[in-house]
Amino acid sequence: MRLVKLKQPKKNAADHGHLLTLLEPNQDDILYFYDRDQFHHILRLERMRSERSQHPLLLMLLDISATANHGHIQETLTKILSAICPALREADIRGWYHYNKTIGIIFTGIPSIDANSIEVIIRKIHKQFQEALDPGLFGKINIFFHIYPRTS
């Protein structure tokens, strides 16, 4: 199991939000977790790119609001991200969709998105959660998907 440690968010003059940096124990691999404003900005850009190019974009939302009473939100977030990271690609964008309630993950560069490709993603994530999270925490996470560009 990969352990992800959350560093304190940093803010500077060029940054209008916070970027959480997630480090592996060996600190060779850095993963980023964007705050809500940054995540929504990136999502908007990726949606526009998806609509322009007609290449699909998949947004996965992990509703963790029911886990709030399971423990400290930062500790819970670290556990969830540690569990899910092995199932994600480096290019997948992670961040808050709704602060402390919903984690968003943007999957880009997927050739086609259909029921089978979503099922593959669900199986990978489900397997990681089963292996890394206790059942009480795992059972409180709801997963939703949105596909872009939307078809009429």
N, C-alpha and C. Protein backbone atom coordinates (compact mmCIF):
# COMPACT_ATOMS: atom_id res chain seq x y z
N MET A 1 0.85 -1.19 0.00
CA MET A 1 0.00 0.00 0.00
C MET A 1 0.88 1.24 0.00
N ARG A 2 0.56 2.19 -0.86
CA ARG A 2 1.30 3.44 -0.90
C ARG A 2 0.75 4.37 0.15
N LEU A 3 1.62 5.00 0.88
CA LEU A 3 1.22 5.97 1.89
C LEU A 3 1.38 7.35 1.31
N VAL A 4 0.36 8.15 1.40
CA VAL A 4 0.43 9.51 0.90
C VAL A 4 0.38 10.45 2.08
N LYS A 5 1.33 11.35 2.15
CA LYS A 5 1.38 12.32 3.24
C LYS A 5 0.95 13.67 2.70
N LEU A 6 0.06 14.33 3.39
CA LEU A 6 -0.44 15.63 2.97
C LEU A 6 0.45 16.72 3.54
N LYS A 7 1.00 17.57 2.68
CA LYS A 7 1.76 18.72 3.14
C LYS A 7 0.80 19.88 3.30
N GLN A 8 1.19 20.85 4.08
CA GLN A 8 0.37 22.03 4.27
C GLN A 8 0.21 22.77 2.95
N PRO A 9 -0.98 23.31 2.68
CA PRO A 9 -1.16 24.07 1.46
C PRO A 9 -0.32 25.34 1.51
N LYS A 10 0.21 25.73 0.35
CA LYS A 10 1.01 26.94 0.28
C LYS A 10 0.31 27.92 -0.63
N LYS A 11 0.44 29.18 -0.31
CA LYS A 11 -0.18 30.23 -1.10
C LYS A 11 0.87 31.29 -1.38
N ASN A 12 0.94 31.74 -2.62
CA ASN A 12 1.85 32.82 -2.95
C ASN A 12 1.12 33.82 -3.84
N ALA A 13 1.81 34.89 -4.22
CA ALA A 13 1.17 35.97 -4.97
C ALA A 13 0.64 35.49 -6.32
N ALA A 14 1.32 34.53 -6.94
CA ALA A 14 0.90 34.05 -8.25
C ALA A 14 -0.19 32.99 -8.16
N ASP A 15 -0.51 32.55 -6.97
CA ASP A 15 -1.45 31.46 -6.77
C ASP A 15 -2.67 32.00 -6.03
N HIS A 16 -3.83 31.95 -6.69
CA HIS A 16 -5.05 32.48 -6.08
C HIS A 16 -5.80 31.43 -5.27
N GLY A 17 -5.20 30.29 -5.08
CA GLY A 17 -5.81 29.22 -4.30
C GLY A 17 -4.72 28.42 -3.63
N HIS A 18 -5.09 27.30 -3.12
CA HIS A 18 -4.13 26.43 -2.46
C HIS A 18 -3.95 25.16 -3.27
N LEU A 19 -2.75 24.69 -3.30
CA LEU A 19 -2.43 23.44 -3.98
C LEU A 19 -1.83 22.52 -2.92
N LEU A 20 -2.51 21.44 -2.65
CA LEU A 20 -1.97 20.47 -1.71
C LEU A 20 -1.02 19.56 -2.46
N THR A 21 0.14 19.37 -1.92
CA THR A 21 1.12 18.49 -2.54
C THR A 21 1.13 17.19 -1.78
N LEU A 22 0.90 16.10 -2.48
CA LEU A 22 0.89 14.79 -1.88
C LEU A 22 2.21 14.12 -2.22
N LEU A 23 2.92 13.68 -1.21
CA LEU A 23 4.23 13.09 -1.42
C LEU A 23 4.23 11.62 -1.08
N GLU A 24 4.92 10.86 -1.89
CA GLU A 24 5.17 9.46 -1.57
C GLU A 24 6.22 9.42 -0.47
N PRO A 25 6.33 8.33 0.27
CA PRO A 25 7.33 8.26 1.34
C PRO A 25 8.75 8.52 0.85
N ASN A 26 9.09 8.06 -0.35
CA ASN A 26 10.44 8.30 -0.86
C ASN A 26 10.56 9.68 -1.50
N GLN A 27 9.48 10.39 -1.62
CA GLN A 27 9.38 11.75 -2.13
C GLN A 27 9.88 11.88 -3.57
N ASP A 28 9.97 10.78 -4.30
CA ASP A 28 10.33 10.85 -5.71
C ASP A 28 9.13 11.24 -6.56
N ASP A 29 7.99 10.71 -6.21
CA ASP A 29 6.77 10.97 -6.97
C ASP A 29 5.93 12.01 -6.23
N ILE A 30 5.59 13.07 -6.93
CA ILE A 30 4.74 14.10 -6.33
C ILE A 30 3.40 14.07 -7.03
N LEU A 31 2.35 13.98 -6.25
CA LEU A 31 0.99 14.01 -6.78
C LEU A 31 0.34 15.29 -6.27
N TYR A 32 -0.51 15.89 -7.07
CA TYR A 32 -1.13 17.14 -6.68
C TYR A 32 -2.61 16.95 -6.43
N PHE A 33 -3.10 17.69 -5.45
CA PHE A 33 -4.51 17.69 -5.11
C PHE A 33 -4.95 19.15 -5.06
N TYR A 34 -5.76 19.54 -6.03
CA TYR A 34 -6.11 20.95 -6.18
C TYR A 34 -7.27 21.36 -5.28
N ASP A 35 -7.24 22.63 -4.87
CA ASP A 35 -8.37 23.13 -4.09
C ASP A 35 -9.56 23.33 -5.03
N ARG A 36 -10.69 23.68 -4.49
CA ARG A 36 -11.93 23.74 -5.24
C ARG A 36 -11.85 24.70 -6.42
N ASP A 37 -11.38 25.91 -6.20
CA ASP A 37 -11.33 26.90 -7.28
C ASP A 37 -10.42 26.45 -8.41
N GLN A 38 -9.24 25.96 -8.07
CA GLN A 38 -8.32 25.49 -9.10
C GLN A 38 -8.89 24.28 -9.84
N PHE A 39 -9.48 23.36 -9.09
CA PHE A 39 -10.04 22.17 -9.73
C PHE A 39 -11.14 22.55 -10.71
N HIS A 40 -12.03 23.45 -10.31
CA HIS A 40 -13.12 23.86 -11.19
C HIS A 40 -12.58 24.61 -12.42
N HIS A 41 -11.52 25.38 -12.24
CA HIS A 41 -10.90 26.06 -13.37
C HIS A 41 -10.34 25.04 -14.36
N ILE A 42 -9.60 24.06 -13.86
CA ILE A 42 -9.04 23.01 -14.72
C ILE A 42 -10.16 22.22 -15.39
N LEU A 43 -11.21 21.89 -14.65
CA LEU A 43 -12.34 21.16 -15.22
C LEU A 43 -12.98 21.95 -16.35
N ARG A 44 -13.15 23.25 -16.16
CA ARG A 44 -13.74 24.10 -17.20
C ARG A 44 -12.87 24.07 -18.46
N LEU A 45 -11.55 24.20 -18.29
CA LEU A 45 -10.63 24.16 -19.44
C LEU A 45 -10.67 22.80 -20.14
N GLU A 46 -10.68 21.73 -19.37
CA GLU A 46 -10.71 20.38 -19.95
C GLU A 46 -12.04 20.12 -20.66
N ARG A 47 -13.13 20.63 -20.10
CA ARG A 47 -14.43 20.47 -20.77
C ARG A 47 -14.46 21.21 -22.10
N MET A 48 -13.90 22.42 -22.13
CA MET A 48 -13.85 23.18 -23.38
C MET A 48 -12.98 22.45 -24.40
N ARG A 49 -11.86 21.90 -23.97
CA ARG A 49 -10.99 21.15 -24.87
C ARG A 49 -11.72 19.91 -25.39
N SER A 50 -12.45 19.24 -24.50
CA SER A 50 -13.19 18.04 -24.88
C SER A 50 -14.27 18.36 -25.91
N GLU A 51 -14.98 19.45 -25.70
CA GLU A 51 -16.03 19.85 -26.64
C GLU A 51 -15.44 20.25 -27.98
N ARG A 52 -14.31 20.96 -27.95
CA ARG A 52 -13.67 21.41 -29.19
C ARG A 52 -13.11 20.22 -29.99
N SER A 53 -12.45 19.28 -29.30
CA SER A 53 -11.80 18.16 -29.98
C SER A 53 -12.72 16.96 -30.17
N GLN A 54 -13.84 16.94 -29.45
CA GLN A 54 -14.77 15.80 -29.43
C GLN A 54 -14.12 14.54 -28.86
N HIS A 55 -13.04 14.71 -28.07
CA HIS A 55 -12.45 13.59 -27.35
C HIS A 55 -13.09 13.53 -25.97
N PRO A 56 -13.46 12.35 -25.51
CA PRO A 56 -14.21 12.25 -24.26
C PRO A 56 -13.38 12.60 -23.03
N LEU A 57 -14.09 13.05 -22.05
CA LEU A 57 -13.54 13.40 -20.74
C LEU A 57 -14.45 12.76 -19.71
N LEU A 58 -13.86 12.13 -18.72
CA LEU A 58 -14.65 11.49 -17.68
C LEU A 58 -14.36 12.17 -16.35
N LEU A 59 -15.40 12.60 -15.67
CA LEU A 59 -15.29 13.19 -14.34
C LEU A 59 -15.86 12.19 -13.34
N MET A 60 -15.03 11.78 -12.40
CA MET A 60 -15.49 10.90 -11.34
C MET A 60 -15.58 11.71 -10.06
N LEU A 61 -16.69 11.60 -9.37
CA LEU A 61 -16.89 12.29 -8.11
C LEU A 61 -17.03 11.28 -6.99
N LEU A 62 -16.23 11.46 -5.95
CA LEU A 62 -16.30 10.61 -4.76
C LEU A 62 -16.93 11.43 -3.65
N ASP A 63 -18.16 11.12 -3.33
CA ASP A 63 -18.86 11.82 -2.25
C ASP A 63 -18.40 11.21 -0.93
N ILE A 64 -17.60 11.98 -0.19
CA ILE A 64 -17.08 11.49 1.09
C ILE A 64 -17.73 12.21 2.27
N SER A 65 -18.84 12.92 2.01
CA SER A 65 -19.49 13.70 3.07
C SER A 65 -19.95 12.83 4.23
N ALA A 66 -20.32 11.60 3.96
CA ALA A 66 -20.77 10.70 5.04
C ALA A 66 -19.62 10.20 5.90
N THR A 67 -18.38 10.44 5.46
CA THR A 67 -17.22 9.98 6.24
C THR A 67 -16.79 11.01 7.26
N ALA A 68 -17.43 12.18 7.28
CA ALA A 68 -17.02 13.27 8.16
C ALA A 68 -17.01 12.86 9.63
N ASN A 69 -17.97 12.05 10.04
CA ASN A 69 -18.01 11.63 11.44
C ASN A 69 -17.13 10.41 11.69
N HIS A 70 -16.45 9.93 10.64
CA HIS A 70 -15.56 8.77 10.76
C HIS A 70 -14.21 9.16 11.34
N GLY A 71 -13.91 10.44 11.33
CA GLY A 71 -12.63 10.92 11.84
C GLY A 71 -12.28 12.25 11.24
N HIS A 72 -11.12 12.73 11.55
CA HIS A 72 -10.63 14.01 11.05
C HIS A 72 -10.60 13.97 9.51
N ILE A 73 -11.11 15.02 8.86
CA ILE A 73 -11.25 15.04 7.41
C ILE A 73 -9.90 14.91 6.71
N GLN A 74 -8.86 15.53 7.26
CA GLN A 74 -7.54 15.45 6.63
C GLN A 74 -7.00 14.03 6.67
N GLU A 75 -7.20 13.37 7.80
CA GLU A 75 -6.76 11.97 7.95
C GLU A 75 -7.57 11.06 7.02
N THR A 76 -8.86 11.31 6.95
CA THR A 76 -9.74 10.52 6.07
C THR A 76 -9.35 10.73 4.61
N LEU A 77 -9.11 11.98 4.23
CA LEU A 77 -8.69 12.29 2.86
C LEU A 77 -7.39 11.57 2.52
N THR A 78 -6.44 11.59 3.42
CA THR A 78 -5.16 10.92 3.19
C THR A 78 -5.36 9.42 2.99
N LYS A 79 -6.22 8.81 3.79
CA LYS A 79 -6.50 7.37 3.63
C LYS A 79 -7.14 7.07 2.28
N ILE A 80 -8.11 7.89 1.90
CA ILE A 80 -8.81 7.66 0.64
C ILE A 80 -7.87 7.86 -0.54
N LEU A 81 -7.08 8.93 -0.52
CA LEU A 81 -6.15 9.18 -1.62
C LEU A 81 -5.05 8.13 -1.67
N SER A 82 -4.59 7.67 -0.52
CA SER A 82 -3.60 6.60 -0.50
C SER A 82 -4.17 5.33 -1.11
N ALA A 83 -5.45 5.09 -0.88
CA ALA A 83 -6.10 3.90 -1.42
C ALA A 83 -6.32 4.01 -2.92
N ILE A 84 -6.69 5.19 -3.39
CA ILE A 84 -7.08 5.32 -4.80
C ILE A 84 -5.90 5.58 -5.73
N CYS A 85 -4.83 6.17 -5.24
CA CYS A 85 -3.70 6.55 -6.12
C CYS A 85 -3.16 5.42 -6.99
N PRO A 86 -3.02 4.19 -6.48
CA PRO A 86 -2.53 3.12 -7.35
C PRO A 86 -3.44 2.81 -8.54
N ALA A 87 -4.70 3.19 -8.45
CA ALA A 87 -5.64 2.92 -9.55
C ALA A 87 -5.69 4.07 -10.56
N LEU A 88 -4.98 5.16 -10.27
CA LEU A 88 -5.02 6.32 -11.14
C LEU A 88 -3.72 6.47 -11.93
N ARG A 89 -3.83 7.19 -13.04
CA ARG A 89 -2.66 7.51 -13.84
C ARG A 89 -2.08 8.84 -13.36
N GLU A 90 -0.84 9.08 -13.68
CA GLU A 90 -0.20 10.34 -13.29
C GLU A 90 -0.93 11.53 -13.90
N ALA A 91 -1.48 11.36 -15.09
CA ALA A 91 -2.15 12.45 -15.80
C ALA A 91 -3.55 12.76 -15.26
N ASP A 92 -4.11 11.88 -14.44
CA ASP A 92 -5.45 12.12 -13.90
C ASP A 92 -5.38 13.26 -12.88
N ILE A 93 -6.33 14.17 -12.98
CA ILE A 93 -6.31 15.39 -12.17
C ILE A 93 -7.22 15.20 -10.97
N ARG A 94 -6.68 15.45 -9.77
CA ARG A 94 -7.42 15.24 -8.52
C ARG A 94 -7.60 16.56 -7.79
N GLY A 95 -8.75 16.72 -7.15
CA GLY A 95 -8.97 17.93 -6.36
C GLY A 95 -10.34 17.94 -5.72
N TRP A 96 -10.59 19.01 -4.98
CA TRP A 96 -11.90 19.17 -4.33
C TRP A 96 -12.92 19.64 -5.35
N TYR A 97 -13.99 18.91 -5.53
CA TYR A 97 -15.14 19.36 -6.32
C TYR A 97 -16.02 20.21 -5.41
N HIS A 98 -16.27 19.71 -4.21
CA HIS A 98 -16.91 20.45 -3.12
C HIS A 98 -16.00 20.26 -1.92
N TYR A 99 -15.52 21.35 -1.35
CA TYR A 99 -14.54 21.30 -0.28
C TYR A 99 -15.00 20.42 0.89
N ASN A 100 -14.18 19.47 1.26
CA ASN A 100 -14.41 18.54 2.37
C ASN A 100 -15.64 17.66 2.20
N LYS A 101 -16.21 17.62 0.98
CA LYS A 101 -17.39 16.79 0.75
C LYS A 101 -17.25 15.87 -0.46
N THR A 102 -16.68 16.40 -1.54
CA THR A 102 -16.63 15.64 -2.78
C THR A 102 -15.26 15.79 -3.44
N ILE A 103 -14.60 14.66 -3.66
CA ILE A 103 -13.33 14.63 -4.38
C ILE A 103 -13.65 14.45 -5.85
N GLY A 104 -13.00 15.23 -6.69
CA GLY A 104 -13.17 15.09 -8.13
C GLY A 104 -11.91 14.55 -8.77
N ILE A 105 -12.08 13.68 -9.75
CA ILE A 105 -10.95 13.16 -10.52
C ILE A 105 -11.32 13.28 -11.99
N ILE A 106 -10.46 13.96 -12.75
CA ILE A 106 -10.69 14.17 -14.17
C ILE A 106 -9.80 13.18 -14.93
N PHE A 107 -10.43 12.34 -15.74
CA PHE A 107 -9.71 11.39 -16.59
C PHE A 107 -9.71 11.95 -18.01
N THR A 108 -8.55 12.30 -18.51
CA THR A 108 -8.44 12.79 -19.88
C THR A 108 -7.66 11.77 -20.70
N GLY A 109 -7.66 11.95 -22.00
CA GLY A 109 -6.88 11.08 -22.87
C GLY A 109 -7.39 9.66 -22.96
N ILE A 110 -8.67 9.46 -22.69
CA ILE A 110 -9.28 8.14 -22.82
C ILE A 110 -9.86 8.06 -24.23
N PRO A 111 -9.46 7.08 -25.03
CA PRO A 111 -9.91 7.02 -26.43
C PRO A 111 -11.43 6.99 -26.59
N SER A 112 -12.09 6.21 -25.76
CA SER A 112 -13.56 6.17 -25.81
C SER A 112 -14.07 5.85 -24.42
N ILE A 113 -15.23 6.40 -24.13
CA ILE A 113 -15.84 6.17 -22.83
C ILE A 113 -17.20 5.55 -23.08
N ASP A 114 -17.37 4.35 -22.53
CA ASP A 114 -18.65 3.66 -22.62
C ASP A 114 -18.85 2.91 -21.30
N ALA A 115 -19.91 2.16 -21.23
CA ALA A 115 -20.21 1.43 -19.99
C ALA A 115 -19.07 0.50 -19.59
N ASN A 116 -18.42 -0.13 -20.57
CA ASN A 116 -17.33 -1.06 -20.25
C ASN A 116 -16.12 -0.34 -19.67
N SER A 117 -15.74 0.81 -20.24
CA SER A 117 -14.57 1.53 -19.72
C SER A 117 -14.85 2.07 -18.32
N ILE A 118 -16.06 2.51 -18.07
CA ILE A 118 -16.42 2.98 -16.73
C ILE A 118 -16.40 1.80 -15.75
N GLU A 119 -16.89 0.66 -16.19
CA GLU A 119 -16.87 -0.54 -15.34
C GLU A 119 -15.45 -0.93 -14.95
N VAL A 120 -14.51 -0.82 -15.89
CA VAL A 120 -13.10 -1.13 -15.60
C VAL A 120 -12.57 -0.19 -14.51
N ILE A 121 -12.88 1.10 -14.63
CA ILE A 121 -12.44 2.08 -13.64
C ILE A 121 -13.06 1.78 -12.29
N ILE A 122 -14.36 1.49 -12.27
CA ILE A 122 -15.05 1.17 -11.02
C ILE A 122 -14.43 -0.05 -10.35
N ARG A 123 -14.14 -1.07 -11.12
CA ARG A 123 -13.52 -2.29 -10.55
C ARG A 123 -12.16 -2.00 -9.94
N LYS A 124 -11.33 -1.22 -10.63
CA LYS A 124 -10.01 -0.87 -10.11
C LYS A 124 -10.13 -0.12 -8.78
N ILE A 125 -11.00 0.87 -8.75
CA ILE A 125 -11.17 1.69 -7.56
C ILE A 125 -11.77 0.87 -6.43
N HIS A 126 -12.78 0.08 -6.75
CA HIS A 126 -13.42 -0.77 -5.74
C HIS A 126 -12.39 -1.72 -5.12
N LYS A 127 -11.54 -2.32 -5.96
CA LYS A 127 -10.50 -3.23 -5.47
C LYS A 127 -9.52 -2.51 -4.54
N GLN A 128 -9.09 -1.31 -4.94
CA GLN A 128 -8.15 -0.54 -4.12
C GLN A 128 -8.80 -0.17 -2.78
N PHE A 129 -10.05 0.26 -2.82
CA PHE A 129 -10.74 0.63 -1.58
C PHE A 129 -10.90 -0.58 -0.67
N GLN A 130 -11.28 -1.73 -1.23
CA GLN A 130 -11.45 -2.94 -0.43
C GLN A 130 -10.16 -3.35 0.25
N GLU A 131 -9.04 -3.22 -0.47
CA GLU A 131 -7.75 -3.63 0.07
C GLU A 131 -7.21 -2.64 1.10
N ALA A 132 -7.49 -1.36 0.95
CA ALA A 132 -6.81 -0.35 1.75
C ALA A 132 -7.67 0.32 2.83
N LEU A 133 -8.99 0.26 2.70
CA LEU A 133 -9.84 0.97 3.65
C LEU A 133 -10.63 -0.01 4.50
N ASP A 134 -10.92 0.40 5.72
CA ASP A 134 -11.77 -0.46 6.54
C ASP A 134 -13.19 -0.36 6.00
N PRO A 135 -13.98 -1.43 6.15
CA PRO A 135 -15.33 -1.47 5.57
C PRO A 135 -16.23 -0.32 6.02
N GLY A 136 -16.04 0.15 7.24
CA GLY A 136 -16.87 1.26 7.72
C GLY A 136 -16.65 2.53 6.93
N LEU A 137 -15.42 2.79 6.56
CA LEU A 137 -15.10 3.97 5.76
C LEU A 137 -15.48 3.75 4.29
N PHE A 138 -15.12 2.60 3.75
CA PHE A 138 -15.39 2.26 2.36
C PHE A 138 -16.89 2.34 2.05
N GLY A 139 -17.72 1.86 2.96
CA GLY A 139 -19.16 1.85 2.75
C GLY A 139 -19.81 3.22 2.74
N LYS A 140 -19.07 4.25 3.17
CA LYS A 140 -19.63 5.60 3.23
C LYS A 140 -19.26 6.47 2.03
N ILE A 141 -18.55 5.90 1.08
CA ILE A 141 -18.12 6.65 -0.10
C ILE A 141 -19.04 6.32 -1.27
N ASN A 142 -19.63 7.34 -1.86
CA ASN A 142 -20.48 7.17 -3.04
C ASN A 142 -19.74 7.69 -4.26
N ILE A 143 -19.83 6.96 -5.37
CA ILE A 143 -19.11 7.31 -6.58
C ILE A 143 -20.09 7.65 -7.70
N PHE A 144 -19.84 8.78 -8.38
CA PHE A 144 -20.66 9.25 -9.49
C PHE A 144 -19.75 9.56 -10.68
N PHE A 145 -20.29 9.46 -11.89
CA PHE A 145 -19.54 9.76 -13.10
C PHE A 145 -20.31 10.73 -13.98
N HIS A 146 -19.56 11.61 -14.66
CA HIS A 146 -20.11 12.50 -15.68
C HIS A 146 -19.21 12.39 -16.90
N ILE A 147 -19.81 12.31 -18.08
CA ILE A 147 -19.06 12.20 -19.32
C ILE A 147 -19.26 13.47 -20.13
N TYR A 148 -18.15 13.99 -20.66
CA TYR A 148 -18.17 15.18 -21.51
C TYR A 148 -17.45 14.83 -22.81
N PRO A 149 -17.77 15.42 -23.95
CA PRO A 149 -18.86 16.37 -24.11
C PRO A 149 -20.19 15.66 -24.02
N ARG A 150 -21.14 16.39 -23.53
CA ARG A 150 -22.48 15.80 -23.40
C ARG A 150 -23.12 15.73 -24.78
N THR A 151 -23.79 14.62 -25.00
CA THR A 151 -24.47 14.44 -26.29
C THR A 151 -25.94 14.76 -26.11
N SER A 152 -26.54 15.30 -27.16
CA SER A 152 -27.96 15.68 -27.09
C SER A 152 -28.84 14.50 -27.38
